[in-house]
Full PDB file with SEQRES, HELIX, SHEET, SSBOND, CRYST1, ORIGX, SCALE, CONECT and MASTER records, all heavy atoms in Angstrom:
SEQRES   1 A   36  LEU ASP VAL ASP VAL VAL ASP VAL ASP GLY VAL THR SER          
SEQRES   2 A   36  ASP ASP PRO GLU LEU THR LEU PRO HIS PRO GLY ALA HIS          
SEQRES   3 A   36  GLN ARG ALA PHE VAL LEU VAL PRO TRP LEU                      
HELIX    1 AA1 ALA A   25  GLN A   27  5                                   3    
HELIX    2 AA2 ALA A   29  TRP A   35  1                                   7    
SHEET    1 AA1 2 SER A  13  ASP A  15  0                                        
SHEET    2 AA1 2 LEU A  18  LEU A  20 -1                                        
CRYST1    1.000    1.000    1.000  90.00  90.00  90.00 P 1           1          
ORIGX1      1.000000  0.000000  0.000000        0.00000                         
ORIGX2      0.000000  1.000000  0.000000        0.00000                         
ORIGX3      0.000000  0.000000  1.000000        0.00000                         
SCALE1      1.000000  0.000000  0.000000        0.00000                         
SCALE2      0.000000  1.000000  0.000000        0.00000                         
SCALE3      0.000000  0.000000  1.000000        0.00000                         
ATOM      1  N   LEU A   1      72.677 118.456  82.714  1.00  0.00           N  
ATOM      2  CA  LEU A   1      71.476 118.275  81.904  1.00  0.00           C  
ATOM      3  C   LEU A   1      71.069 119.618  81.305  1.00  0.00           C  
ATOM      4  O   LEU A   1      71.021 120.632  81.999  1.00  0.00           O  
ATOM      5  CB  LEU A   1      70.322 117.733  82.759  1.00  0.00           C  
ATOM      6  CG  LEU A   1      69.014 117.464  82.032  1.00  0.00           C  
ATOM      7  CD1 LEU A   1      69.183 116.386  80.957  1.00  0.00           C  
ATOM      8  CD2 LEU A   1      67.922 117.062  83.017  1.00  0.00           C  
ATOM      9  N   ASP A   2      70.782 119.575  80.026  1.00  0.00           N  
ATOM     10  CA  ASP A   2      70.259 120.734  79.313  1.00  0.00           C  
ATOM     11  C   ASP A   2      68.964 120.284  78.658  1.00  0.00           C  
ATOM     12  O   ASP A   2      68.956 119.292  77.914  1.00  0.00           O  
ATOM     13  CB  ASP A   2      71.266 121.196  78.254  1.00  0.00           C  
ATOM     14  CG  ASP A   2      70.841 122.475  77.562  1.00  0.00           C  
ATOM     15  OD1 ASP A   2      70.201 123.326  78.214  1.00  0.00           O  
ATOM     16  OD2 ASP A   2      71.155 122.634  76.372  1.00  0.00           O  
ATOM     17  N   VAL A   3      67.873 120.960  78.964  1.00  0.00           N  
ATOM     18  CA  VAL A   3      66.577 120.655  78.353  1.00  0.00           C  
ATOM     19  C   VAL A   3      66.107 121.931  77.669  1.00  0.00           C  
ATOM     20  O   VAL A   3      65.780 122.915  78.334  1.00  0.00           O  
ATOM     21  CB  VAL A   3      65.531 120.189  79.396  1.00  0.00           C  
ATOM     22  CG1 VAL A   3      64.206 119.857  78.696  1.00  0.00           C  
ATOM     23  CG2 VAL A   3      66.050 118.994  80.195  1.00  0.00           C  
ATOM     24  N   ASP A   4      66.111 121.910  76.331  1.00  0.00           N  
ATOM     25  CA  ASP A   4      65.671 123.069  75.563  1.00  0.00           C  
ATOM     26  C   ASP A   4      64.281 122.832  74.992  1.00  0.00           C  
ATOM     27  O   ASP A   4      64.006 121.761  74.428  1.00  0.00           O  
ATOM     28  CB  ASP A   4      66.625 123.348  74.395  1.00  0.00           C  
ATOM     29  CG  ASP A   4      67.942 123.952  74.842  1.00  0.00           C  
ATOM     30  OD1 ASP A   4      67.972 124.601  75.901  1.00  0.00           O  
ATOM     31  OD2 ASP A   4      68.932 123.781  74.115  1.00  0.00           O  
ATOM     32  N   VAL A   5      63.426 123.832  75.127  1.00  0.00           N  
ATOM     33  CA  VAL A   5      62.107 123.805  74.491  1.00  0.00           C  
ATOM     34  C   VAL A   5      62.323 124.300  73.065  1.00  0.00           C  
ATOM     35  O   VAL A   5      62.639 125.473  72.849  1.00  0.00           O  
ATOM     36  CB  VAL A   5      61.099 124.687  75.251  1.00  0.00           C  
ATOM     37  CG1 VAL A   5      59.743 124.650  74.569  1.00  0.00           C  
ATOM     38  CG2 VAL A   5      60.994 124.255  76.712  1.00  0.00           C  
ATOM     39  N   VAL A   6      62.169 123.407  72.104  1.00  0.00           N  
ATOM     40  CA  VAL A   6      62.444 123.726  70.702  1.00  0.00           C  
ATOM     41  C   VAL A   6      61.211 124.287  70.021  1.00  0.00           C  
ATOM     42  O   VAL A   6      61.278 125.272  69.296  1.00  0.00           O  
ATOM     43  CB  VAL A   6      62.959 122.471  69.953  1.00  0.00           C  
ATOM     44  CG1 VAL A   6      63.165 122.765  68.475  1.00  0.00           C  
ATOM     45  CG2 VAL A   6      64.248 121.966  70.591  1.00  0.00           C  
ATOM     46  N   ASP A   7      60.067 123.650  70.261  1.00  0.00           N  
ATOM     47  CA  ASP A   7      58.821 124.048  69.601  1.00  0.00           C  
ATOM     48  C   ASP A   7      57.654 123.641  70.484  1.00  0.00           C  
ATOM     49  O   ASP A   7      57.701 122.594  71.140  1.00  0.00           O  
ATOM     50  CB  ASP A   7      58.707 123.369  68.233  1.00  0.00           C  
ATOM     51  CG  ASP A   7      57.407 123.692  67.517  1.00  0.00           C  
ATOM     52  OD1 ASP A   7      57.013 124.877  67.480  1.00  0.00           O  
ATOM     53  OD2 ASP A   7      56.771 122.756  66.992  1.00  0.00           O  
ATOM     54  N   VAL A   8      56.619 124.468  70.508  1.00  0.00           N  
ATOM     55  CA  VAL A   8      55.384 124.135  71.204  1.00  0.00           C  
ATOM     56  C   VAL A   8      54.228 124.492  70.277  1.00  0.00           C  
ATOM     57  O   VAL A   8      53.933 125.669  70.069  1.00  0.00           O  
ATOM     58  CB  VAL A   8      55.243 124.893  72.552  1.00  0.00           C  
ATOM     59  CG1 VAL A   8      53.930 124.515  73.233  1.00  0.00           C  
ATOM     60  CG2 VAL A   8      56.428 124.612  73.456  1.00  0.00           C  
ATOM     61  N   ASP A   9      53.639 123.472  69.664  1.00  0.00           N  
ATOM     62  CA  ASP A   9      52.469 123.654  68.795  1.00  0.00           C  
ATOM     63  C   ASP A   9      52.643 124.727  67.727  1.00  0.00           C  
ATOM     64  O   ASP A   9      51.683 125.407  67.357  1.00  0.00           O  
ATOM     65  CB  ASP A   9      51.221 123.970  69.625  1.00  0.00           C  
ATOM     66  CG  ASP A   9      50.644 122.748  70.309  1.00  0.00           C  
ATOM     67  OD1 ASP A   9      50.894 121.615  69.847  1.00  0.00           O  
ATOM     68  OD2 ASP A   9      49.944 122.923  71.327  1.00  0.00           O  
ATOM     69  N   GLY A  10      53.872 124.955  67.268  1.00  0.00           N  
ATOM     70  CA  GLY A  10      54.100 125.944  66.224  1.00  0.00           C  
ATOM     71  C   GLY A  10      54.007 127.388  66.683  1.00  0.00           C  
ATOM     72  O   GLY A  10      54.035 128.316  65.870  1.00  0.00           O  
ATOM     73  N   VAL A  11      53.918 127.610  67.993  1.00  0.00           N  
ATOM     74  CA  VAL A  11      53.829 128.964  68.548  1.00  0.00           C  
ATOM     75  C   VAL A  11      55.149 129.698  68.311  1.00  0.00           C  
ATOM     76  O   VAL A  11      56.223 129.110  68.409  1.00  0.00           O  
ATOM     77  CB  VAL A  11      53.521 128.896  70.062  1.00  0.00           C  
ATOM     78  CG1 VAL A  11      53.659 130.255  70.727  1.00  0.00           C  
ATOM     79  CG2 VAL A  11      52.135 128.322  70.291  1.00  0.00           C  
ATOM     80  N   THR A  12      55.056 130.986  68.004  1.00  0.00           N  
ATOM     81  CA  THR A  12      56.256 131.808  67.912  1.00  0.00           C  
ATOM     82  C   THR A  12      56.225 132.835  69.040  1.00  0.00           C  
ATOM     83  O   THR A  12      55.163 133.326  69.420  1.00  0.00           O  
ATOM     84  CB  THR A  12      56.373 132.527  66.556  1.00  0.00           C  
ATOM     85  OG1 THR A  12      55.216 133.338  66.356  1.00  0.00           O  
ATOM     86  CG2 THR A  12      56.488 131.524  65.412  1.00  0.00           C  
ATOM     87  N   SER A  13      57.412 133.116  69.588  1.00  0.00           N  
ATOM     88  CA  SER A  13      57.522 134.048  70.698  1.00  0.00           C  
ATOM     89  C   SER A  13      58.897 134.697  70.669  1.00  0.00           C  
ATOM     90  O   SER A  13      59.903 134.014  70.460  1.00  0.00           O  
ATOM     91  CB  SER A  13      57.342 133.300  72.027  1.00  0.00           C  
ATOM     92  OG  SER A  13      57.722 134.120  73.115  1.00  0.00           O  
ATOM     93  N   ASP A  14      58.921 136.009  70.875  1.00  0.00           N  
ATOM     94  CA  ASP A  14      60.181 136.747  70.981  1.00  0.00           C  
ATOM     95  C   ASP A  14      60.506 137.097  72.422  1.00  0.00           C  
ATOM     96  O   ASP A  14      61.418 137.884  72.680  1.00  0.00           O  
ATOM     97  CB  ASP A  14      60.107 138.040  70.154  1.00  0.00           C  
ATOM     98  CG  ASP A  14      60.102 137.770  68.665  1.00  0.00           C  
ATOM     99  OD1 ASP A  14      60.713 136.758  68.246  1.00  0.00           O  
ATOM    100  OD2 ASP A  14      59.484 138.551  67.923  1.00  0.00           O  
ATOM    101  N   ASP A  15      59.770 136.527  73.368  1.00  0.00           N  
ATOM    102  CA  ASP A  15      60.007 136.789  74.785  1.00  0.00           C  
ATOM    103  C   ASP A  15      61.423 136.338  75.140  1.00  0.00           C  
ATOM    104  O   ASP A  15      61.793 135.196  74.858  1.00  0.00           O  
ATOM    105  CB  ASP A  15      58.977 136.007  75.605  1.00  0.00           C  
ATOM    106  CG  ASP A  15      59.070 136.272  77.097  1.00  0.00           C  
ATOM    107  OD1 ASP A  15      60.147 136.643  77.590  1.00  0.00           O  
ATOM    108  OD2 ASP A  15      58.044 136.096  77.768  1.00  0.00           O  
ATOM    109  N   PRO A  16      62.241 137.199  75.749  1.00  0.00           N  
ATOM    110  CA  PRO A  16      63.608 136.802  76.106  1.00  0.00           C  
ATOM    111  C   PRO A  16      63.645 135.605  77.059  1.00  0.00           C  
ATOM    112  O   PRO A  16      64.618 134.867  77.099  1.00  0.00           O  
ATOM    113  CB  PRO A  16      64.199 138.036  76.783  1.00  0.00           C  
ATOM    114  CG  PRO A  16      63.243 139.141  76.579  1.00  0.00           C  
ATOM    115  CD  PRO A  16      61.944 138.582  76.098  1.00  0.00           C  
ATOM    116  N   GLU A  17      62.568 135.403  77.812  1.00  0.00           N  
ATOM    117  CA  GLU A  17      62.481 134.263  78.726  1.00  0.00           C  
ATOM    118  C   GLU A  17      62.286 132.952  77.954  1.00  0.00           C  
ATOM    119  O   GLU A  17      62.794 131.912  78.360  1.00  0.00           O  
ATOM    120  CB  GLU A  17      61.315 134.475  79.695  1.00  0.00           C  
ATOM    121  CG  GLU A  17      61.162 133.417  80.735  1.00  0.00           C  
ATOM    122  CD  GLU A  17      62.183 133.530  81.855  1.00  0.00           C  
ATOM    123  OE1 GLU A  17      62.877 134.547  81.970  1.00  0.00           O  
ATOM    124  OE2 GLU A  17      62.278 132.567  82.620  1.00  0.00           O  
ATOM    125  N   LEU A  18      61.555 133.014  76.850  1.00  0.00           N  
ATOM    126  CA  LEU A  18      61.283 131.815  76.060  1.00  0.00           C  
ATOM    127  C   LEU A  18      61.055 132.215  74.601  1.00  0.00           C  
ATOM    128  O   LEU A  18      59.961 132.586  74.208  1.00  0.00           O  
ATOM    129  CB  LEU A  18      60.060 131.065  76.596  1.00  0.00           C  
ATOM    130  CG  LEU A  18      59.657 129.816  75.824  1.00  0.00           C  
ATOM    131  CD1 LEU A  18      60.783 128.785  75.823  1.00  0.00           C  
ATOM    132  CD2 LEU A  18      58.400 129.213  76.422  1.00  0.00           C  
ATOM    133  N   THR A  19      62.109 132.128  73.818  1.00  0.00           N  
ATOM    134  CA  THR A  19      62.021 132.418  72.389  1.00  0.00           C  
ATOM    135  C   THR A  19      61.623 131.129  71.673  1.00  0.00           C  
ATOM    136  O   THR A  19      62.254 130.092  71.868  1.00  0.00           O  
ATOM    137  CB  THR A  19      63.372 132.928  71.852  1.00  0.00           C  
ATOM    138  OG1 THR A  19      63.762 134.078  72.616  1.00  0.00           O  
ATOM    139  CG2 THR A  19      63.273 133.296  70.382  1.00  0.00           C  
ATOM    140  N   LEU A  20      60.561 131.204  70.891  1.00  0.00           N  
ATOM    141  CA  LEU A  20      60.084 130.038  70.139  1.00  0.00           C  
ATOM    142  C   LEU A  20      59.882 130.392  68.684  1.00  0.00           C  
ATOM    143  O   LEU A  20      59.400 131.489  68.389  1.00  0.00           O  
ATOM    144  CB  LEU A  20      58.758 129.529  70.719  1.00  0.00           C  
ATOM    145  CG  LEU A  20      58.848 128.818  72.059  1.00  0.00           C  
ATOM    146  CD1 LEU A  20      57.450 128.535  72.583  1.00  0.00           C  
ATOM    147  CD2 LEU A  20      59.663 127.553  71.965  1.00  0.00           C  
ATOM    148  N   PRO A  21      60.226 129.458  67.790  1.00  0.00           N  
ATOM    149  CA  PRO A  21      60.946 128.235  68.119  1.00  0.00           C  
ATOM    150  C   PRO A  21      62.336 128.571  68.647  1.00  0.00           C  
ATOM    151  O   PRO A  21      62.802 129.705  68.533  1.00  0.00           O  
ATOM    152  CB  PRO A  21      61.026 127.483  66.797  1.00  0.00           C  
ATOM    153  CG  PRO A  21      60.907 128.527  65.750  1.00  0.00           C  
ATOM    154  CD  PRO A  21      60.057 129.622  66.338  1.00  0.00           C  
ATOM    155  N   HIS A  22      62.997 127.564  69.236  1.00  0.00           N  
ATOM    156  CA  HIS A  22      64.330 127.784  69.802  1.00  0.00           C  
ATOM    157  C   HIS A  22      65.202 128.441  68.736  1.00  0.00           C  
ATOM    158  O   HIS A  22      65.286 127.949  67.609  1.00  0.00           O  
ATOM    159  CB  HIS A  22      64.936 126.463  70.255  1.00  0.00           C  
ATOM    160  CG  HIS A  22      66.203 126.642  71.023  1.00  0.00           C  
ATOM    161  ND1 HIS A  22      67.391 126.953  70.421  1.00  0.00           N  
ATOM    162  CD2 HIS A  22      66.453 126.571  72.352  1.00  0.00           C  
ATOM    163  CE1 HIS A  22      68.331 127.057  71.345  1.00  0.00           C  
ATOM    164  NE2 HIS A  22      67.785 126.829  72.527  1.00  0.00           N  
ATOM    165  N   PRO A  23      65.845 129.561  69.048  1.00  0.00           N  
ATOM    166  CA  PRO A  23      66.530 130.344  68.016  1.00  0.00           C  
ATOM    167  C   PRO A  23      67.702 129.648  67.318  1.00  0.00           C  
ATOM    168  O   PRO A  23      68.029 129.999  66.195  1.00  0.00           O  
ATOM    169  CB  PRO A  23      67.004 131.588  68.759  1.00  0.00           C  
ATOM    170  CG  PRO A  23      66.977 131.234  70.197  1.00  0.00           C  
ATOM    171  CD  PRO A  23      65.923 130.179  70.357  1.00  0.00           C  
ATOM    172  N   GLY A  24      68.324 128.664  67.926  1.00  0.00           N  
ATOM    173  CA  GLY A  24      69.458 128.020  67.277  1.00  0.00           C  
ATOM    174  C   GLY A  24      69.154 126.657  66.693  1.00  0.00           C  
ATOM    175  O   GLY A  24      70.021 126.035  66.067  1.00  0.00           O  
ATOM    176  N   ALA A  25      67.933 126.175  66.873  1.00  0.00           N  
ATOM    177  CA  ALA A  25      67.607 124.798  66.482  1.00  0.00           C  
ATOM    178  C   ALA A  25      67.876 124.520  65.007  1.00  0.00           C  
ATOM    179  O   ALA A  25      68.350 123.444  64.651  1.00  0.00           O  
ATOM    180  CB  ALA A  25      66.152 124.489  66.822  1.00  0.00           C  
ATOM    181  N   HIS A  26      67.614 125.478  64.145  1.00  0.00           N  
ATOM    182  CA  HIS A  26      67.757 125.253  62.705  1.00  0.00           C  
ATOM    183  C   HIS A  26      69.206 125.069  62.273  1.00  0.00           C  
ATOM    184  O   HIS A  26      69.479 124.600  61.172  1.00  0.00           O  
ATOM    185  CB  HIS A  26      67.109 126.398  61.918  1.00  0.00           C  
ATOM    186  CG  HIS A  26      67.824 127.701  62.064  1.00  0.00           C  
ATOM    187  ND1 HIS A  26      67.765 128.456  63.221  1.00  0.00           N  
ATOM    188  CD2 HIS A  26      68.622 128.383  61.211  1.00  0.00           C  
ATOM    189  CE1 HIS A  26      68.487 129.539  63.067  1.00  0.00           C  
ATOM    190  NE2 HIS A  26      69.027 129.521  61.854  1.00  0.00           N  
ATOM    191  N   GLN A  27      70.164 125.411  63.146  1.00  0.00           N  
ATOM    192  CA  GLN A  27      71.585 125.314  62.831  1.00  0.00           C  
ATOM    193  C   GLN A  27      72.276 124.155  63.534  1.00  0.00           C  
ATOM    194  O   GLN A  27      73.477 123.985  63.384  1.00  0.00           O  
ATOM    195  CB  GLN A  27      72.301 126.600  63.262  1.00  0.00           C  
ATOM    196  CG  GLN A  27      71.777 127.837  62.606  1.00  0.00           C  
ATOM    197  CD  GLN A  27      72.370 129.076  63.243  1.00  0.00           C  
ATOM    198  OE1 GLN A  27      72.376 129.216  64.471  1.00  0.00           O  
ATOM    199  NE2 GLN A  27      72.880 129.965  62.414  1.00  0.00           N  
ATOM    200  N   ARG A  28      71.546 123.395  64.306  1.00  0.00           N  
ATOM    201  CA  ARG A  28      72.164 122.395  65.178  1.00  0.00           C  
ATOM    202  C   ARG A  28      71.739 120.985  64.788  1.00  0.00           C  
ATOM    203  O   ARG A  28      70.631 120.544  65.101  1.00  0.00           O  
ATOM    204  CB  ARG A  28      71.818 122.701  66.622  1.00  0.00           C  
ATOM    205  CG  ARG A  28      72.406 124.057  67.012  1.00  0.00           C  
ATOM    206  CD  ARG A  28      72.099 124.447  68.407  1.00  0.00           C  
ATOM    207  NE  ARG A  28      72.689 125.762  68.677  1.00  0.00           N  
ATOM    208  CZ  ARG A  28      72.259 126.572  69.601  1.00  0.00           C  
ATOM    209  NH1 ARG A  28      71.248 126.225  70.374  1.00  0.00           N  
ATOM    210  NH2 ARG A  28      72.849 127.736  69.786  1.00  0.00           N  
ATOM    211  N   ALA A  29      72.662 120.291  64.165  1.00  0.00           N  
ATOM    212  CA  ALA A  29      72.387 118.915  63.742  1.00  0.00           C  
ATOM    213  C   ALA A  29      72.052 118.038  64.939  1.00  0.00           C  
ATOM    214  O   ALA A  29      71.267 117.095  64.813  1.00  0.00           O  
ATOM    215  CB  ALA A  29      73.572 118.350  62.963  1.00  0.00           C  
ATOM    216  N   PHE A  30      72.602 118.351  66.122  1.00  0.00           N  
ATOM    217  CA  PHE A  30      72.306 117.526  67.294  1.00  0.00           C  
ATOM    218  C   PHE A  30      70.854 117.664  67.755  1.00  0.00           C  
ATOM    219  O   PHE A  30      70.383 116.859  68.561  1.00  0.00           O  
ATOM    220  CB  PHE A  30      73.285 117.796  68.447  1.00  0.00           C  
ATOM    221  CG  PHE A  30      73.193 119.159  69.069  1.00  0.00           C  
ATOM    222  CD1 PHE A  30      72.247 119.446  70.035  1.00  0.00           C  
ATOM    223  CD2 PHE A  30      74.086 120.157  68.710  1.00  0.00           C  
ATOM    224  CE1 PHE A  30      72.174 120.701  70.625  1.00  0.00           C  
ATOM    225  CE2 PHE A  30      74.035 121.411  69.299  1.00  0.00           C  
ATOM    226  CZ  PHE A  30      73.072 121.687  70.252  1.00  0.00           C  
ATOM    227  N   VAL A  31      70.139 118.639  67.233  1.00  0.00           N  
ATOM    228  CA  VAL A  31      68.696 118.761  67.451  1.00  0.00           C  
ATOM    229  C   VAL A  31      67.945 118.144  66.269  1.00  0.00           C  
ATOM    230  O   VAL A  31      67.014 117.356  66.446  1.00  0.00           O  
ATOM    231  CB  VAL A  31      68.272 120.233  67.631  1.00  0.00           C  
ATOM    232  CG1 VAL A  31      66.746 120.360  67.683  1.00  0.00           C  
ATOM    233  CG2 VAL A  31      68.905 120.834  68.867  1.00  0.00           C  
ATOM    234  N   LEU A  32      68.352 118.496  65.059  1.00  0.00           N  
ATOM    235  CA  LEU A  32      67.615 118.095  63.863  1.00  0.00           C  
ATOM    236  C   LEU A  32      67.655 116.589  63.610  1.00  0.00           C  
ATOM    237  O   LEU A  32      66.628 115.991  63.259  1.00  0.00           O  
ATOM    238  CB  LEU A  32      68.150 118.854  62.645  1.00  0.00           C  
ATOM    239  CG  LEU A  32      68.101 120.383  62.743  1.00  0.00           C  
ATOM    240  CD1 LEU A  32      68.765 121.016  61.523  1.00  0.00           C  
ATOM    241  CD2 LEU A  32      66.684 120.900  62.933  1.00  0.00           C  
ATOM    242  N   VAL A  33      68.819 115.970  63.768  1.00  0.00           N  
ATOM    243  CA  VAL A  33      68.939 114.526  63.490  1.00  0.00           C  
ATOM    244  C   VAL A  33      68.024 113.708  64.401  1.00  0.00           C  
ATOM    245  O   VAL A  33      67.209 112.912  63.915  1.00  0.00           O  
ATOM    246  CB  VAL A  33      70.410 114.064  63.570  1.00  0.00           C  
ATOM    247  CG1 VAL A  33      70.505 112.540  63.522  1.00  0.00           C  
ATOM    248  CG2 VAL A  33      71.233 114.680  62.443  1.00  0.00           C  
ATOM    249  N   PRO A  34      68.111 113.871  65.734  1.00  0.00           N  
ATOM    250  CA  PRO A  34      67.208 113.071  66.567  1.00  0.00           C  
ATOM    251  C   PRO A  34      65.740 113.445  66.400  1.00  0.00           C  
ATOM    252  O   PRO A  34      64.857 112.587  66.559  1.00  0.00           O  
ATOM    253  CB  PRO A  34      67.697 113.317  67.995  1.00  0.00           C  
ATOM    254  CG  PRO A  34      68.704 114.391  67.938  1.00  0.00           C  
ATOM    255  CD  PRO A  34      69.109 114.597  66.523  1.00  0.00           C  
ATOM    256  N   TRP A  35      65.450 114.693  66.064  1.00  0.00           N  
ATOM    257  CA  TRP A  35      64.058 115.087  65.852  1.00  0.00           C  
ATOM    258  C   TRP A  35      63.471 114.278  64.698  1.00  0.00           C  
ATOM    259  O   TRP A  35      62.335 113.804  64.775  1.00  0.00           O  
ATOM    260  CB  TRP A  35      63.988 116.583  65.588  1.00  0.00           C  
ATOM    261  CG  TRP A  35      62.612 117.188  65.600  1.00  0.00           C  
ATOM    262  CD1 TRP A  35      61.417 116.555  65.769  1.00  0.00           C  
ATOM    263  CD2 TRP A  35      62.301 118.571  65.442  1.00  0.00           C  
ATOM    264  NE1 TRP A  35      60.379 117.455  65.729  1.00  0.00           N  
ATOM    265  CE2 TRP A  35      60.895 118.697  65.524  1.00  0.00           C  
ATOM    266  CE3 TRP A  35      63.065 119.701  65.233  1.00  0.00           C  
ATOM    267  CZ2 TRP A  35      60.259 119.923  65.406  1.00  0.00           C  
ATOM    268  CZ3 TRP A  35      62.423 120.923  65.121  1.00  0.00           C  
ATOM    269  CH2 TRP A  35      61.037 121.037  65.205  1.00  0.00           C  
ATOM    270  N   LEU A  36      64.240 114.098  63.642  1.00  0.00           N  
ATOM    271  CA  LEU A  36      63.754 113.312  62.513  1.00  0.00           C  
ATOM    272  C   LEU A  36      63.512 111.848  62.886  1.00  0.00           C  
ATOM    273  O   LEU A  36      62.686 111.187  62.269  1.00  0.00           O  
ATOM    274  CB  LEU A  36      64.721 113.407  61.333  1.00  0.00           C  
ATOM    275  CG  LEU A  36      64.723 114.749  60.609  1.00  0.00           C  
ATOM    276  CD1 LEU A  36      65.831 114.796  59.572  1.00  0.00           C  
ATOM    277  CD2 LEU A  36      63.360 115.032  59.977  1.00  0.00           C  
TER     278      LEU A  36                                                      
MASTER        0    0    0    2    2    0    0    6  277    1    0    3          
END                                                                             
C-alpha cells in the first residue's frame, strides 16, 4: 500500500518530511485521471 498526500487545502510546503503539493503529482496520470 502506498498512500500519498497530494494536496491539503492548497497549502504549499518544502519540508522534506512532507512536500506539498506532492512533487510528482503533476506528471503522473495515475494520480490525475482518478482525481478528475
